[in-house]
Amino acid sequence: MKIVGTTPKEDQYYLPAETKRHRESIMMWPERSDNWRNGAKPAQKTFAEIAAIINRYEPVTMLVSKEQYQNARHALPAEIRVIEMSYNDAWIK
């Protein structure tokens, strides 16, 4: 492992505040039955509705597991980009 002697700011890393303007929203499709009730179906419906509303104002990308890809693609408007990705939960910042 290489240890660097610089700060994230010196390396040009920047984490904008949630209130700052940005180019796009990225969301993760809920699916874990240990986190979401009823097989995540109510959460998926809500995430699809939220994504559609956000998409009126800016592009949205939805990250989706391989197993849920077709389900998410069917539930989301065609303008929303869907990308297959492995992940552990539906939280992202």
PDB file of N, CA and C in Angstrom:
ATOM      1  N   MET A   1       0.843  -1.161   0.000  1.00  0.00           N
ATOM      2  CA  MET A   1       0.000   0.000   0.000  1.00  0.00           C
ATOM      3  C   MET A   1       0.893   1.230   0.000  1.00  0.00           C
ATOM      4  N   LYS A   2       0.517   2.195  -0.826  1.00  0.00           N
ATOM      5  CA  LYS A   2       1.267   3.444  -0.905  1.00  0.00           C
ATOM      6  C   LYS A   2       0.581   4.498  -0.039  1.00  0.00           C
ATOM      7  N   ILE A   3       1.330   5.128   0.814  1.00  0.00           N
ATOM      8  CA  ILE A   3       0.800   6.201   1.653  1.00  0.00           C
ATOM      9  C   ILE A   3       1.178   7.520   1.003  1.00  0.00           C
ATOM     10  N   VAL A   4       0.172   8.330   0.750  1.00  0.00           N
ATOM     11  CA  VAL A   4       0.427   9.627   0.132  1.00  0.00           C
ATOM     12  C   VAL A   4       0.485  10.705   1.209  1.00  0.00           C
ATOM     13  N   GLY A   5       1.238  11.729   0.950  1.00  0.00           N
ATOM     14  CA  GLY A   5       1.401  12.800   1.928  1.00  0.00           C
ATOM     15  C   GLY A   5       0.580  14.033   1.609  1.00  0.00           C
ATOM     16  N   THR A   6      -0.442  13.861   0.767  1.00  0.00           N
ATOM     17  CA  THR A   6      -1.278  15.002   0.400  1.00  0.00           C
ATOM     18  C   THR A   6      -2.669  14.851   0.987  1.00  0.00           C
ATOM     19  N   THR A   7      -3.398  15.937   0.989  1.00  0.00           N
ATOM     20  CA  THR A   7      -4.782  15.912   1.463  1.00  0.00           C
ATOM     21  C   THR A   7      -5.705  15.683   0.268  1.00  0.00           C
ATOM     22  N   PRO A   8      -6.938  15.231   0.514  1.00  0.00           N
ATOM     23  CA  PRO A   8      -7.880  15.089  -0.598  1.00  0.00           C
ATOM     24  C   PRO A   8      -8.058  16.400  -1.372  1.00  0.00           C
ATOM     25  N   LYS A   9      -8.109  17.517  -0.665  1.00  0.00           N
ATOM     26  CA  LYS A   9      -8.265  18.806  -1.344  1.00  0.00           C
ATOM     27  C   LYS A   9      -7.080  19.078  -2.271  1.00  0.00           C
ATOM     28  N   GLU A  10      -5.879  18.790  -1.806  1.00  0.00           N
ATOM     29  CA  GLU A  10      -4.691  18.984  -2.640  1.00  0.00           C
ATOM     30  C   GLU A  10      -4.716  18.078  -3.870  1.00  0.00           C
ATOM     31  N   ASP A  11      -5.376  16.937  -3.761  1.00  0.00           N
ATOM     32  CA  ASP A  11      -5.494  15.993  -4.876  1.00  0.00           C
ATOM     33  C   ASP A  11      -6.722  16.255  -5.746  1.00  0.00           C
ATOM     34  N   GLN A  12      -7.366  17.394  -5.524  1.00  0.00           N
ATOM     35  CA  GLN A  12      -8.517  17.835  -6.324  1.00  0.00           C
ATOM     36  C   GLN A  12      -9.801  17.051  -6.067  1.00  0.00           C
ATOM     37  N   TYR A  13      -9.891  16.337  -4.948  1.00  0.00           N
ATOM     38  CA  TYR A  13     -11.144  15.670  -4.600  1.00  0.00           C
ATOM     39  C   TYR A  13     -12.102  16.699  -4.030  1.00  0.00           C
ATOM     40  N   TYR A  14     -13.377  16.523  -4.350  1.00  0.00           N
ATOM     41  CA  TYR A  14     -14.374  17.485  -3.908  1.00  0.00           C
ATOM     42  C   TYR A  14     -15.691  16.754  -3.688  1.00  0.00           C
ATOM     43  N   LEU A  15     -16.270  16.908  -2.526  1.00  0.00           N
ATOM     44  CA  LEU A  15     -17.578  16.335  -2.222  1.00  0.00           C
ATOM     45  C   LEU A  15     -18.539  17.494  -2.000  1.00  0.00           C
ATOM     46  N   PRO A  16     -19.345  17.803  -2.996  1.00  0.00           N
ATOM     47  CA  PRO A  16     -20.241  18.950  -2.871  1.00  0.00           C
ATOM     48  C   PRO A  16     -21.347  18.696  -1.852  1.00  0.00           C
ATOM     49  N   ALA A  17     -21.853  19.767  -1.299  1.00  0.00           N
ATOM     50  CA  ALA A  17     -22.987  19.674  -0.376  1.00  0.00           C
ATOM     51  C   ALA A  17     -24.207  19.166  -1.142  1.00  0.00           C
ATOM     52  N   GLU A  18     -25.122  18.538  -0.440  1.00  0.00           N
ATOM     53  CA  GLU A  18     -26.319  18.013  -1.097  1.00  0.00           C
ATOM     54  C   GLU A  18     -27.163  19.116  -1.722  1.00  0.00           C
ATOM     55  N   THR A  19     -26.995  20.348  -1.263  1.00  0.00           N
ATOM     56  CA  THR A  19     -27.766  21.467  -1.795  1.00  0.00           C
ATOM     57  C   THR A  19     -27.141  22.077  -3.050  1.00  0.00           C
ATOM     58  N   LYS A  20     -25.937  21.659  -3.404  1.00  0.00           N
ATOM     59  CA  LYS A  20     -25.260  22.201  -4.588  1.00  0.00           C
ATOM     60  C   LYS A  20     -25.865  21.631  -5.868  1.00  0.00           C
ATOM     61  N   ARG A  21     -25.848  22.438  -6.918  1.00  0.00           N
ATOM     62  CA  ARG A  21     -26.319  21.962  -8.220  1.00  0.00           C
ATOM     63  C   ARG A  21     -25.393  20.854  -8.723  1.00  0.00           C
ATOM     64  N   HIS A  22     -25.967  19.922  -9.441  1.00  0.00           N
ATOM     65  CA  HIS A  22     -25.192  18.818  -9.987  1.00  0.00           C
ATOM     66  C   HIS A  22     -25.797  18.403 -11.326  1.00  0.00           C
ATOM     67  N   ARG A  23     -25.102  17.556 -12.045  1.00  0.00           N
ATOM     68  CA  ARG A  23     -25.528  17.185 -13.399  1.00  0.00           C
ATOM     69  C   ARG A  23     -26.539  16.062 -13.442  1.00  0.00           C
ATOM     70  N   GLU A  24     -26.529  15.203 -12.432  1.00  0.00           N
ATOM     71  CA  GLU A  24     -27.353  13.997 -12.513  1.00  0.00           C
ATOM     72  C   GLU A  24     -27.530  13.408 -11.121  1.00  0.00           C
ATOM     73  N   SER A  25     -28.595  12.640 -10.954  1.00  0.00           N
ATOM     74  CA  SER A  25     -28.805  11.890  -9.715  1.00  0.00           C
ATOM     75  C   SER A  25     -28.568  10.411  -9.987  1.00  0.00           C
ATOM     76  N   ILE A  26     -27.934   9.754  -9.033  1.00  0.00           N
ATOM     77  CA  ILE A  26     -27.692   8.315  -9.115  1.00  0.00           C
ATOM     78  C   ILE A  26     -28.414   7.669  -7.947  1.00  0.00           C
ATOM     79  N   MET A  27     -29.199   6.652  -8.254  1.00  0.00           N
ATOM     80  CA  MET A  27     -29.958   5.941  -7.227  1.00  0.00           C
ATOM     81  C   MET A  27     -29.631   4.452  -7.305  1.00  0.00           C
ATOM     82  N   MET A  28     -29.943   3.731  -6.231  1.00  0.00           N
ATOM     83  CA  MET A  28     -29.758   2.276  -6.207  1.00  0.00           C
ATOM     84  C   MET A  28     -31.112   1.622  -5.931  1.00  0.00           C
ATOM     85  N   TRP A  29     -31.428   0.638  -6.706  1.00  0.00           N
ATOM     86  CA  TRP A  29     -32.709  -0.065  -6.636  1.00  0.00           C
ATOM     87  C   TRP A  29     -32.774  -0.912  -5.367  1.00  0.00           C
ATOM     88  N   PRO A  30     -33.817  -0.739  -4.548  1.00  0.00           N
ATOM     89  CA  PRO A  30     -33.934  -1.541  -3.324  1.00  0.00           C
ATOM     90  C   PRO A  30     -34.370  -2.968  -3.632  1.00  0.00           C
ATOM     91  N   GLU A  31     -33.812  -3.935  -2.878  1.00  0.00           N
ATOM     92  CA  GLU A  31     -34.220  -5.318  -3.105  1.00  0.00           C
ATOM     93  C   GLU A  31     -34.049  -6.223  -1.897  1.00  0.00           C
ATOM     94  N   ARG A  32     -33.206  -5.865  -0.947  1.00  0.00           N
ATOM     95  CA  ARG A  32     -32.903  -6.778   0.164  1.00  0.00           C
ATOM     96  C   ARG A  32     -34.124  -6.980   1.061  1.00  0.00           C
ATOM     97  N   SER A  33     -34.567  -8.220   1.152  1.00  0.00           N
ATOM     98  CA  SER A  33     -35.756  -8.518   1.961  1.00  0.00           C
ATOM     99  C   SER A  33     -35.500  -8.352   3.455  1.00  0.00           C
ATOM    100  N   ASP A  34     -34.229  -8.357   3.881  1.00  0.00           N
ATOM    101  CA  ASP A  34     -33.950  -8.117   5.300  1.00  0.00           C
ATOM    102  C   ASP A  34     -33.984  -6.624   5.637  1.00  0.00           C
ATOM    103  N   ASN A  35     -33.973  -5.765   4.635  1.00  0.00           N
ATOM    104  CA  ASN A  35     -34.053  -4.316   4.848  1.00  0.00           C
ATOM    105  C   ASN A  35     -35.394  -3.722   4.449  1.00  0.00           C
ATOM    106  N   TRP A  36     -36.066  -4.349   3.499  1.00  0.00           N
ATOM    107  CA  TRP A  36     -37.286  -3.788   2.933  1.00  0.00           C
ATOM    108  C   TRP A  36     -38.427  -4.790   3.086  1.00  0.00           C
ATOM    109  N   ARG A  37     -39.554  -4.326   3.533  1.00  0.00           N
ATOM    110  CA  ARG A  37     -40.700  -5.217   3.747  1.00  0.00           C
ATOM    111  C   ARG A  37     -41.308  -5.667   2.411  1.00  0.00           C
ATOM    112  N   ASN A  38     -42.029  -6.760   2.486  1.00  0.00           N
ATOM    113  CA  ASN A  38     -42.755  -7.302   1.328  1.00  0.00           C
ATOM    114  C   ASN A  38     -41.875  -7.456   0.083  1.00  0.00           C
ATOM    115  N   GLY A  39     -40.681  -8.001   0.303  1.00  0.00           N
ATOM    116  CA  GLY A  39     -39.782  -8.241  -0.822  1.00  0.00           C
ATOM    117  C   GLY A  39     -39.332  -6.980  -1.542  1.00  0.00           C
ATOM    118  N   ALA A  40     -39.399  -5.857  -0.858  1.00  0.00           N
ATOM    119  CA  ALA A  40     -38.988  -4.541  -1.380  1.00  0.00           C
ATOM    120  C   ALA A  40     -39.941  -3.990  -2.439  1.00  0.00           C
ATOM    121  N   LYS A  41     -41.058  -4.655  -2.689  1.00  0.00           N
ATOM    122  CA  LYS A  41     -41.982  -4.186  -3.730  1.00  0.00           C
ATOM    123  C   LYS A  41     -42.505  -2.774  -3.463  1.00  0.00           C
ATOM    124  N   PRO A  42     -42.973  -2.445  -2.232  1.00  0.00           N
ATOM    125  CA  PRO A  42     -43.424  -1.066  -1.993  1.00  0.00           C
ATOM    126  C   PRO A  42     -42.291  -0.047  -2.169  1.00  0.00           C
ATOM    127  N   ALA A  43     -41.094  -0.394  -1.717  1.00  0.00           N
ATOM    128  CA  ALA A  43     -39.946   0.511  -1.866  1.00  0.00           C
ATOM    129  C   ALA A  43     -39.596   0.689  -3.340  1.00  0.00           C
ATOM    130  N   GLN A  44     -39.645  -0.372  -4.113  1.00  0.00           N
ATOM    131  CA  GLN A  44     -39.331  -0.280  -5.540  1.00  0.00           C
ATOM    132  C   GLN A  44     -40.317   0.644  -6.254  1.00  0.00           C
ATOM    133  N   LYS A  45     -41.580   0.521  -5.905  1.00  0.00           N
ATOM    134  CA  LYS A  45     -42.595   1.395  -6.500  1.00  0.00           C
ATOM    135  C   LYS A  45     -42.297   2.852  -6.169  1.00  0.00           C
ATOM    136  N   THR A  46     -41.960   3.110  -4.905  1.00  0.00           N
ATOM    137  CA  THR A  46     -41.652   4.476  -4.471  1.00  0.00           C
ATOM    138  C   THR A  46     -40.377   4.994  -5.130  1.00  0.00           C
ATOM    139  N   PHE A  47     -39.340   4.173  -5.199  1.00  0.00           N
ATOM    140  CA  PHE A  47     -38.094   4.593  -5.855  1.00  0.00           C
ATOM    141  C   PHE A  47     -38.361   4.928  -7.322  1.00  0.00           C
ATOM    142  N   ALA A  48     -39.184   4.138  -7.990  1.00  0.00           N
ATOM    143  CA  ALA A  48     -39.504   4.410  -9.393  1.00  0.00           C
ATOM    144  C   ALA A  48     -40.239   5.743  -9.528  1.00  0.00           C
ATOM    145  N   GLU A  49     -41.164   6.017  -8.619  1.00  0.00           N
ATOM    146  CA  GLU A  49     -41.897   7.287  -8.648  1.00  0.00           C
ATOM    147  C   GLU A  49     -40.960   8.467  -8.395  1.00  0.00           C
ATOM    148  N   ILE A  50     -40.086   8.333  -7.405  1.00  0.00           N
ATOM    149  CA  ILE A  50     -39.134   9.406  -7.094  1.00  0.00           C
ATOM    150  C   ILE A  50     -38.191   9.640  -8.271  1.00  0.00           C
ATOM    151  N   ALA A  51     -37.682   8.565  -8.853  1.00  0.00           N
ATOM    152  CA  ALA A  51     -36.773   8.690  -9.996  1.00  0.00           C
ATOM    153  C   ALA A  51     -37.460   9.410 -11.158  1.00  0.00           C
ATOM    154  N   ALA A  52     -38.718   9.092 -11.405  1.00  0.00           N
ATOM    155  CA  ALA A  52     -39.454   9.734 -12.500  1.00  0.00           C
ATOM    156  C   ALA A  52     -39.627  11.226 -12.241  1.00  0.00           C
ATOM    157  N   ILE A  53     -39.885  11.596 -11.000  1.00  0.00           N
ATOM    158  CA  ILE A  53     -40.032  13.021 -10.660  1.00  0.00           C
ATOM    159  C   ILE A  53     -38.701  13.748 -10.818  1.00  0.00           C
ATOM    160  N   ILE A  54     -37.636  13.179 -10.276  1.00  0.00           N
ATOM    161  CA  ILE A  54     -36.312  13.804 -10.410  1.00  0.00           C
ATOM    162  C   ILE A  54     -35.944  13.951 -11.879  1.00  0.00           C
ATOM    163  N   ASN A  55     -36.293  12.946 -12.682  1.00  0.00           N
ATOM    164  CA  ASN A  55     -35.936  12.935 -14.099  1.00  0.00           C
ATOM    165  C   ASN A  55     -36.595  14.070 -14.885  1.00  0.00           C
ATOM    166  N   ARG A  56     -37.612  14.685 -14.340  1.00  0.00           N
ATOM    167  CA  ARG A  56     -38.214  15.854 -14.989  1.00  0.00           C
ATOM    168  C   ARG A  56     -37.238  17.031 -15.011  1.00  0.00           C
ATOM    169  N   TYR A  57     -36.308  17.044 -14.053  1.00  0.00           N
ATOM    170  CA  TYR A  57     -35.412  18.186 -13.861  1.00  0.00           C
ATOM    171  C   TYR A  57     -33.947  17.897 -14.187  1.00  0.00           C
ATOM    172  N   GLU A  58     -33.565  16.637 -14.121  1.00  0.00           N
ATOM    173  CA  GLU A  58     -32.174  16.268 -14.396  1.00  0.00           C
ATOM    174  C   GLU A  58     -32.120  14.779 -14.718  1.00  0.00           C
ATOM    175  N   PRO A  59     -31.064  14.338 -15.392  1.00  0.00           N
ATOM    176  CA  PRO A  59     -30.934  12.910 -15.699  1.00  0.00           C
ATOM    177  C   PRO A  59     -30.810  12.059 -14.431  1.00  0.00           C
ATOM    178  N   VAL A  60     -31.305  10.842 -14.525  1.00  0.00           N
ATOM    179  CA  VAL A  60     -31.226   9.881 -13.420  1.00  0.00           C
ATOM    180  C   VAL A  60     -30.609   8.591 -13.947  1.00  0.00           C
ATOM    181  N   THR A  61     -29.697   8.038 -13.156  1.00  0.00           N
ATOM    182  CA  THR A  61     -29.159   6.704 -13.405  1.00  0.00           C
ATOM    183  C   THR A  61     -29.547   5.832 -12.227  1.00  0.00           C
ATOM    184  N   MET A  62     -30.095   4.659 -12.508  1.00  0.00           N
ATOM    185  CA  MET A  62     -30.474   3.710 -11.461  1.00  0.00           C
ATOM    186  C   MET A  62     -29.523   2.520 -11.533  1.00  0.00           C
ATOM    187  N   LEU A  63     -28.847   2.248 -10.429  1.00  0.00           N
ATOM    188  CA  LEU A  63     -27.983   1.076 -10.326  1.00  0.00           C
ATOM    189  C   LEU A  63     -28.831  -0.088  -9.846  1.00  0.00           C
ATOM    190  N   VAL A  64     -28.699  -1.231 -10.510  1.00  0.00           N
ATOM    191  CA  VAL A  64     -29.600  -2.359 -10.284  1.00  0.00           C
ATOM    192  C   VAL A  64     -28.805  -3.663 -10.330  1.00  0.00           C
ATOM    193  N   SER A  65     -29.153  -4.597  -9.449  1.00  0.00           N
ATOM    194  CA  SER A  65     -28.493  -5.903  -9.479  1.00  0.00           C
ATOM    195  C   SER A  65     -28.910  -6.676 -10.732  1.00  0.00           C
ATOM    196  N   LYS A  66     -28.116  -7.665 -11.075  1.00  0.00           N
ATOM    197  CA  LYS A  66     -28.416  -8.512 -12.235  1.00  0.00           C
ATOM    198  C   LYS A  66     -29.799  -9.144 -12.089  1.00  0.00           C
ATOM    199  N   GLU A  67     -30.108  -9.595 -10.877  1.00  0.00           N
ATOM    200  CA  GLU A  67     -31.382 -10.286 -10.633  1.00  0.00           C
ATOM    201  C   GLU A  67     -32.585  -9.353 -10.775  1.00  0.00           C
ATOM    202  N   GLN A  68     -32.409  -8.080 -10.500  1.00  0.00           N
ATOM    203  CA  GLN A  68     -33.518  -7.128 -10.530  1.00  0.00           C
ATOM    204  C   GLN A  68     -33.556  -6.262 -11.789  1.00  0.00           C
ATOM    205  N   TYR A  69     -32.626  -6.499 -12.698  1.00  0.00           N
ATOM    206  CA  TYR A  69     -32.507  -5.611 -13.860  1.00  0.00           C
ATOM    207  C   TYR A  69     -33.822  -5.497 -14.650  1.00  0.00           C
ATOM    208  N   GLN A  70     -34.390  -6.603 -15.042  1.00  0.00           N
ATOM    209  CA  GLN A  70     -35.612  -6.564 -15.859  1.00  0.00           C
ATOM    210  C   GLN A  70     -36.775  -5.934 -15.097  1.00  0.00           C
ATOM    211  N   ASN A  71     -36.882  -6.237 -13.823  1.00  0.00           N
ATOM    212  CA  ASN A  71     -37.931  -5.658 -12.992  1.00  0.00           C
ATOM    213  C   ASN A  71     -37.800  -4.137 -12.949  1.00  0.00           C
ATOM    214  N   ALA A  72     -36.593  -3.652 -12.702  1.00  0.00           N
ATOM    215  CA  ALA A  72     -36.368  -2.209 -12.626  1.00  0.00           C
ATOM    216  C   ALA A  72     -36.585  -1.548 -13.986  1.00  0.00           C
ATOM    217  N   ARG A  73     -36.062  -2.170 -15.037  1.00  0.00           N
ATOM    218  CA  ARG A  73     -36.210  -1.592 -16.377  1.00  0.00           C
ATOM    219  C   ARG A  73     -37.682  -1.433 -16.731  1.00  0.00           C
ATOM    220  N   HIS A  74     -38.488  -2.408 -16.353  1.00  0.00           N
ATOM    221  CA  HIS A  74     -39.927  -2.356 -16.630  1.00  0.00           C
ATOM    222  C   HIS A  74     -40.617  -1.275 -15.791  1.00  0.00           C
ATOM    223  N   ALA A  75     -40.175  -1.078 -14.553  1.00  0.00           N
ATOM    224  CA  ALA A  75     -40.816  -0.135 -13.633  1.00  0.00           C
ATOM    225  C   ALA A  75     -40.430   1.320 -13.887  1.00  0.00           C
ATOM    226  N   LEU A  76     -39.296   1.546 -14.541  1.00  0.00           N
ATOM    227  CA  LEU A  76     -38.772   2.903 -14.712  1.00  0.00           C
ATOM    228  C   LEU A  76     -39.060   3.451 -16.105  1.00  0.00           C
ATOM    229  N   PRO A  77     -39.225   4.766 -16.208  1.00  0.00           N
ATOM    230  CA  PRO A  77     -39.385   5.370 -17.534  1.00  0.00           C
ATOM    231  C   PRO A  77     -38.167   5.089 -18.420  1.00  0.00           C
ATOM    232  N   ALA A  78     -38.377   5.039 -19.709  1.00  0.00           N
ATOM    233  CA  ALA A  78     -37.308   4.713 -20.659  1.00  0.00           C
ATOM    234  C   ALA A  78     -36.153   5.704 -20.614  1.00  0.00           C
ATOM    235  N   GLU A  79     -36.423   6.964 -20.235  1.00  0.00           N
ATOM    236  CA  GLU A  79     -35.366   7.982 -20.206  1.00  0.00           C
ATOM    237  C   GLU A  79     -34.369   7.760 -19.081  1.00  0.00           C
ATOM    238  N   ILE A  80     -34.729   6.960 -18.096  1.00  0.00           N
ATOM    239  CA  ILE A  80     -33.833   6.715 -16.964  1.00  0.00           C
ATOM    240  C   ILE A  80     -32.846   5.622 -17.353  1.00  0.00           C
ATOM    241  N   ARG A  81     -31.575   5.951 -17.212  1.00  0.00           N
ATOM    242  CA  ARG A  81     -30.519   4.975 -17.524  1.00  0.00           C
ATOM    243  C   ARG A  81     -30.456   3.948 -16.403  1.00  0.00           C
ATOM    244  N   VAL A  82     -30.404   2.679 -16.766  1.00  0.00           N
ATOM    245  CA  VAL A  82     -30.318   1.582 -15.800  1.00  0.00           C
ATOM    246  C   VAL A  82     -29.000   0.859 -16.046  1.00  0.00           C
ATOM    247  N   ILE A  83     -28.201   0.742 -14.981  1.00  0.00           N
ATOM    248  CA  ILE A  83     -26.899   0.087 -15.073  1.00  0.00           C
ATOM    249  C   ILE A  83     -26.858  -1.081 -14.102  1.00  0.00           C
ATOM    250  N   GLU A  84     -26.463  -2.238 -14.601  1.00  0.00           N
ATOM    251  CA  GLU A  84     -26.313  -3.418 -13.747  1.00  0.00           C
ATOM    252  C   GLU A  84     -25.054  -3.265 -12.901  1.00  0.00           C
ATOM    253  N   MET A  85     -25.219  -3.486 -11.595  1.00  0.00           N
ATOM    254  CA  MET A  85     -24.092  -3.334 -10.674  1.00  0.00           C
ATOM    255  C   MET A  85     -24.371  -4.120  -9.404  1.00  0.00           C
ATOM    256  N   SER A  86     -23.350  -4.748  -8.865  1.00  0.00           N
ATOM    257  CA  SER A  86     -23.473  -5.421  -7.573  1.00  0.00           C
ATOM    258  C   SER A  86     -23.343  -4.389  -6.466  1.00  0.00           C
ATOM    259  N   TYR A  87     -24.167  -4.508  -5.440  1.00  0.00           N
ATOM    260  CA  TYR A  87     -24.107  -3.604  -4.291  1.00  0.00           C
ATOM    261  C   TYR A  87     -24.782  -4.275  -3.110  1.00  0.00           C
ATOM    262  N   ASN A  88     -24.649  -3.668  -1.942  1.00  0.00           N
ATOM    263  CA  ASN A  88     -25.145  -4.288  -0.722  1.00  0.00           C
ATOM    264  C   ASN A  88     -26.452  -3.687  -0.220  1.00  0.00           C
ATOM    265  N   ASP A  89     -26.724  -2.447  -0.539  1.00  0.00           N
ATOM    266  CA  ASP A  89     -27.928  -1.793  -0.049  1.00  0.00           C
ATOM    267  C   ASP A  89     -28.260  -0.620  -0.964  1.00  0.00           C
ATOM    268  N   ALA A  90     -29.407  -0.008  -0.755  1.00  0.00           N
ATOM    269  CA  ALA A  90     -29.881   1.039  -1.648  1.00  0.00           C
ATOM    270  C   ALA A  90     -29.519   2.445  -1.186  1.00  0.00           C
ATOM    271  N   TRP A  91     -28.501   2.588  -0.362  1.00  0.00           N
ATOM    272  CA  TRP A  91     -28.092   3.920   0.088  1.00  0.00           C
ATOM    273  C   TRP A  91     -26.891   4.368  -0.718  1.00  0.00           C
ATOM    274  N   ILE A  92     -26.947   5.609  -1.181  1.00  0.00           N
ATOM    275  CA  ILE A  92     -25.831   6.177  -1.944  1.00  0.00           C
ATOM    276  C   ILE A  92     -25.820   7.676  -1.717  1.00  0.00           C
ATOM    277  N   LYS A  93     -24.639   8.266  -1.745  1.00  0.00           N
ATOM    278  CA  LYS A  93     -24.535   9.719  -1.620  1.00  0.00           C
ATOM    279  C   LYS A  93     -23.639  10.228  -2.713  1.00  0.00           C
TER     280      LYS A  93
END
